[in-house]
Amino acid sequence: MLETLIWLIGYYLAGEFLARTFAIPLPGSVLGMLLLFVTLCIRRNIPDTFRDHVPPLMQHLSLLFIPSGVGAVLLSARLAEHAFSLAAVLALSTLIPLIACAWLLKRLLGLSEEAK
């Protein structure tokens, strides 16, 4: 478990370092996740230490939403000011990928049927 946590914290810190050093407008935690994803894609397998220890961590994932929930309650007045904008962004950020995936699936299925 300690080895898994060291790897995860290492990728988090690498992401933070990149974000701050190169002024990348993404949170360091997101960059760290992307680095971990790229590393796992290059390796083409999940290390045993991750396979064994990440599922128990995922069981407690809901605890990570507590800070954002508290922030939403504390900033509820500001969220109410921008409710329409937030609703529009949520709707569009749901619909656009949904439409794009449907279009891509239709094209890919069409291509596979033509290949037969």
C-alpha atoms as a PDB file:
ATOM      1  CA  MET A   1       0.000   0.000   0.000  1.00  0.00           C
ATOM      2  CA  LEU A   2       2.828   2.398   0.838  1.00  0.00           C
ATOM      3  CA  GLU A   3       4.417   1.868  -2.573  1.00  0.00           C
ATOM      4  CA  THR A   4       1.117   2.688  -4.307  1.00  0.00           C
ATOM      5  CA  LEU A   5       0.674   5.868  -2.272  1.00  0.00           C
ATOM      6  CA  ILE A   6       4.247   6.928  -3.033  1.00  0.00           C
ATOM      7  CA  TRP A   7       3.628   6.477  -6.768  1.00  0.00           C
ATOM      8  CA  LEU A   8       0.329   8.375  -6.652  1.00  0.00           C
ATOM      9  CA  ILE A   9       1.806  11.235  -4.620  1.00  0.00           C
ATOM     10  CA  GLY A  10       4.816  11.286  -6.950  1.00  0.00           C
ATOM     11  CA  TYR A  11       2.612  11.735 -10.010  1.00  0.00           C
ATOM     12  CA  TYR A  12       0.601  14.390  -8.183  1.00  0.00           C
ATOM     13  CA  LEU A  13       3.775  16.308  -7.295  1.00  0.00           C
ATOM     14  CA  ALA A  14       5.113  15.947 -10.846  1.00  0.00           C
ATOM     15  CA  GLY A  15       1.873  17.420 -12.159  1.00  0.00           C
ATOM     16  CA  GLU A  16       2.050  20.295  -9.666  1.00  0.00           C
ATOM     17  CA  PHE A  17       5.662  20.945 -10.642  1.00  0.00           C
ATOM     18  CA  LEU A  18       4.811  21.052 -14.352  1.00  0.00           C
ATOM     19  CA  ALA A  19       1.768  23.267 -13.814  1.00  0.00           C
ATOM     20  CA  ARG A  20       3.682  25.816 -11.754  1.00  0.00           C
ATOM     21  CA  THR A  21       6.968  25.724 -13.668  1.00  0.00           C
ATOM     22  CA  PHE A  22       5.477  26.096 -17.134  1.00  0.00           C
ATOM     23  CA  ALA A  23       2.383  28.110 -16.085  1.00  0.00           C
ATOM     24  CA  ILE A  24       0.057  25.482 -17.556  1.00  0.00           C
ATOM     25  CA  PRO A  25      -3.568  26.508 -16.945  1.00  0.00           C
ATOM     26  CA  LEU A  26      -4.552  23.100 -15.579  1.00  0.00           C
ATOM     27  CA  PRO A  27      -4.530  21.928 -11.974  1.00  0.00           C
ATOM     28  CA  GLY A  28      -1.440  19.966 -11.063  1.00  0.00           C
ATOM     29  CA  SER A  29      -3.561  17.034  -9.941  1.00  0.00           C
ATOM     30  CA  VAL A  30      -5.083  16.780 -13.434  1.00  0.00           C
ATOM     31  CA  LEU A  31      -1.635  16.887 -15.042  1.00  0.00           C
ATOM     32  CA  GLY A  32      -0.465  14.217 -12.610  1.00  0.00           C
ATOM     33  CA  MET A  33      -3.411  12.016 -13.588  1.00  0.00           C
ATOM     34  CA  LEU A  34      -2.585  12.539 -17.259  1.00  0.00           C
ATOM     35  CA  LEU A  35       1.048  11.601 -16.621  1.00  0.00           C
ATOM     36  CA  LEU A  36      -0.056   8.445 -14.796  1.00  0.00           C
ATOM     37  CA  PHE A  37      -2.461   7.597 -17.633  1.00  0.00           C
ATOM     38  CA  VAL A  38       0.264   8.074 -20.268  1.00  0.00           C
ATOM     39  CA  THR A  39       2.673   5.956 -18.229  1.00  0.00           C
ATOM     40  CA  LEU A  40       0.143   3.131 -17.902  1.00  0.00           C
ATOM     41  CA  CYS A  41      -0.659   3.329 -21.635  1.00  0.00           C
ATOM     42  CA  ILE A  42       3.027   3.107 -22.528  1.00  0.00           C
ATOM     43  CA  ARG A  43       3.549   0.166 -20.155  1.00  0.00           C
ATOM     44  CA  ARG A  44       0.386  -1.509 -21.509  1.00  0.00           C
ATOM     45  CA  ASN A  45      -0.273  -3.163 -18.166  1.00  0.00           C
ATOM     46  CA  ILE A  46      -1.187  -2.184 -14.640  1.00  0.00           C
ATOM     47  CA  PRO A  47       1.514  -2.874 -12.054  1.00  0.00           C
ATOM     48  CA  ASP A  48       0.577  -5.462  -9.433  1.00  0.00           C
ATOM     49  CA  THR A  49       0.944  -2.909  -6.650  1.00  0.00           C
ATOM     50  CA  PHE A  50      -1.744  -0.738  -8.284  1.00  0.00           C
ATOM     51  CA  ARG A  51      -3.985  -3.693  -9.056  1.00  0.00           C
ATOM     52  CA  ASP A  52      -3.884  -4.823  -5.428  1.00  0.00           C
ATOM     53  CA  HIS A  53      -4.137  -1.508  -3.597  1.00  0.00           C
ATOM     54  CA  VAL A  54      -6.152   0.922  -5.724  1.00  0.00           C
ATOM     55  CA  PRO A  55      -9.584  -0.814  -5.356  1.00  0.00           C
ATOM     56  CA  PRO A  56      -9.648  -0.267  -1.553  1.00  0.00           C
ATOM     57  CA  LEU A  57      -8.796   3.400  -2.148  1.00  0.00           C
ATOM     58  CA  MET A  58     -11.604   3.667  -4.689  1.00  0.00           C
ATOM     59  CA  GLN A  59     -14.085   2.427  -2.071  1.00  0.00           C
ATOM     60  CA  HIS A  60     -13.454   5.662  -0.152  1.00  0.00           C
ATOM     61  CA  LEU A  61     -13.585   7.942  -3.190  1.00  0.00           C
ATOM     62  CA  SER A  62     -16.770   9.605  -1.946  1.00  0.00           C
ATOM     63  CA  LEU A  63     -14.768  11.212   0.879  1.00  0.00           C
ATOM     64  CA  LEU A  64     -12.969  13.311  -1.728  1.00  0.00           C
ATOM     65  CA  PHE A  65     -16.238  15.042  -2.623  1.00  0.00           C
ATOM     66  CA  ILE A  66     -16.724  16.458   0.882  1.00  0.00           C
ATOM     67  CA  PRO A  67     -14.528  19.572   0.317  1.00  0.00           C
ATOM     68  CA  SER A  68     -16.334  20.491  -2.896  1.00  0.00           C
ATOM     69  CA  GLY A  69     -19.696  19.936  -1.208  1.00  0.00           C
ATOM     70  CA  VAL A  70     -18.711  22.245   1.647  1.00  0.00           C
ATOM     71  CA  GLY A  71     -17.504  24.819  -0.886  1.00  0.00           C
ATOM     72  CA  ALA A  72     -20.793  24.639  -2.753  1.00  0.00           C
ATOM     73  CA  VAL A  73     -22.721  25.256   0.465  1.00  0.00           C
ATOM     74  CA  LEU A  74     -20.476  28.138   1.513  1.00  0.00           C
ATOM     75  CA  LEU A  75     -20.651  29.760  -1.932  1.00  0.00           C
ATOM     76  CA  SER A  76     -24.321  29.032  -2.577  1.00  0.00           C
ATOM     77  CA  ALA A  77     -25.145  32.741  -3.008  1.00  0.00           C
ATOM     78  CA  ARG A  78     -22.514  33.119  -5.715  1.00  0.00           C
ATOM     79  CA  LEU A  79     -23.652  29.889  -7.374  1.00  0.00           C
ATOM     80  CA  ALA A  80     -27.215  31.215  -7.380  1.00  0.00           C
ATOM     81  CA  GLU A  81     -26.024  34.378  -9.176  1.00  0.00           C
ATOM     82  CA  HIS A  82     -24.605  32.267 -11.982  1.00  0.00           C
ATOM     83  CA  ALA A  83     -27.212  29.502 -11.989  1.00  0.00           C
ATOM     84  CA  PHE A  84     -28.259  30.008 -15.619  1.00  0.00           C
ATOM     85  CA  SER A  85     -24.658  30.049 -16.874  1.00  0.00           C
ATOM     86  CA  LEU A  86     -23.810  26.948 -14.857  1.00  0.00           C
ATOM     87  CA  ALA A  87     -26.892  25.115 -16.095  1.00  0.00           C
ATOM     88  CA  ALA A  88     -26.068  26.036 -19.700  1.00  0.00           C
ATOM     89  CA  VAL A  89     -22.467  24.875 -19.339  1.00  0.00           C
ATOM     90  CA  LEU A  90     -23.554  21.598 -17.717  1.00  0.00           C
ATOM     91  CA  ALA A  91     -26.148  20.954 -20.424  1.00  0.00           C
ATOM     92  CA  LEU A  92     -23.755  21.736 -23.275  1.00  0.00           C
ATOM     93  CA  SER A  93     -20.866  19.797 -21.744  1.00  0.00           C
ATOM     94  CA  THR A  94     -23.193  16.795 -21.543  1.00  0.00           C
ATOM     95  CA  LEU A  95     -24.860  17.114 -24.941  1.00  0.00           C
ATOM     96  CA  ILE A  96     -21.804  17.907 -27.079  1.00  0.00           C
ATOM     97  CA  PRO A  97     -19.802  14.771 -26.101  1.00  0.00           C
ATOM     98  CA  LEU A  98     -22.975  12.677 -26.340  1.00  0.00           C
ATOM     99  CA  ILE A  99     -23.643  13.904 -29.876  1.00  0.00           C
ATOM    100  CA  ALA A 100     -19.973  13.528 -30.830  1.00  0.00           C
ATOM    101  CA  CYS A 101     -19.882   9.933 -29.534  1.00  0.00           C
ATOM    102  CA  ALA A 102     -23.104   9.051 -31.344  1.00  0.00           C
ATOM    103  CA  TRP A 103     -21.784  10.538 -34.588  1.00  0.00           C
ATOM    104  CA  LEU A 104     -18.438   8.751 -34.212  1.00  0.00           C
ATOM    105  CA  LEU A 105     -20.125   5.438 -33.390  1.00  0.00           C
ATOM    106  CA  LYS A 106     -22.373   5.782 -36.419  1.00  0.00           C
ATOM    107  CA  ARG A 107     -19.359   6.436 -38.652  1.00  0.00           C
ATOM    108  CA  LEU A 108     -17.311   3.592 -37.200  1.00  0.00           C
ATOM    109  CA  LEU A 109     -20.166   1.104 -37.438  1.00  0.00           C
ATOM    110  CA  GLY A 110     -20.788   2.242 -40.996  1.00  0.00           C
ATOM    111  CA  LEU A 111     -17.134   1.699 -41.857  1.00  0.00           C
ATOM    112  CA  SER A 112     -17.095  -1.781 -40.308  1.00  0.00           C
ATOM    113  CA  GLU A 113     -20.230  -2.783 -42.231  1.00  0.00           C
ATOM    114  CA  GLU A 114     -18.649  -1.570 -45.486  1.00  0.00           C
ATOM    115  CA  ALA A 115     -15.546  -3.668 -44.774  1.00  0.00           C
ATOM    116  CA  LYS A 116     -17.656  -6.847 -44.608  1.00  0.00           C
END
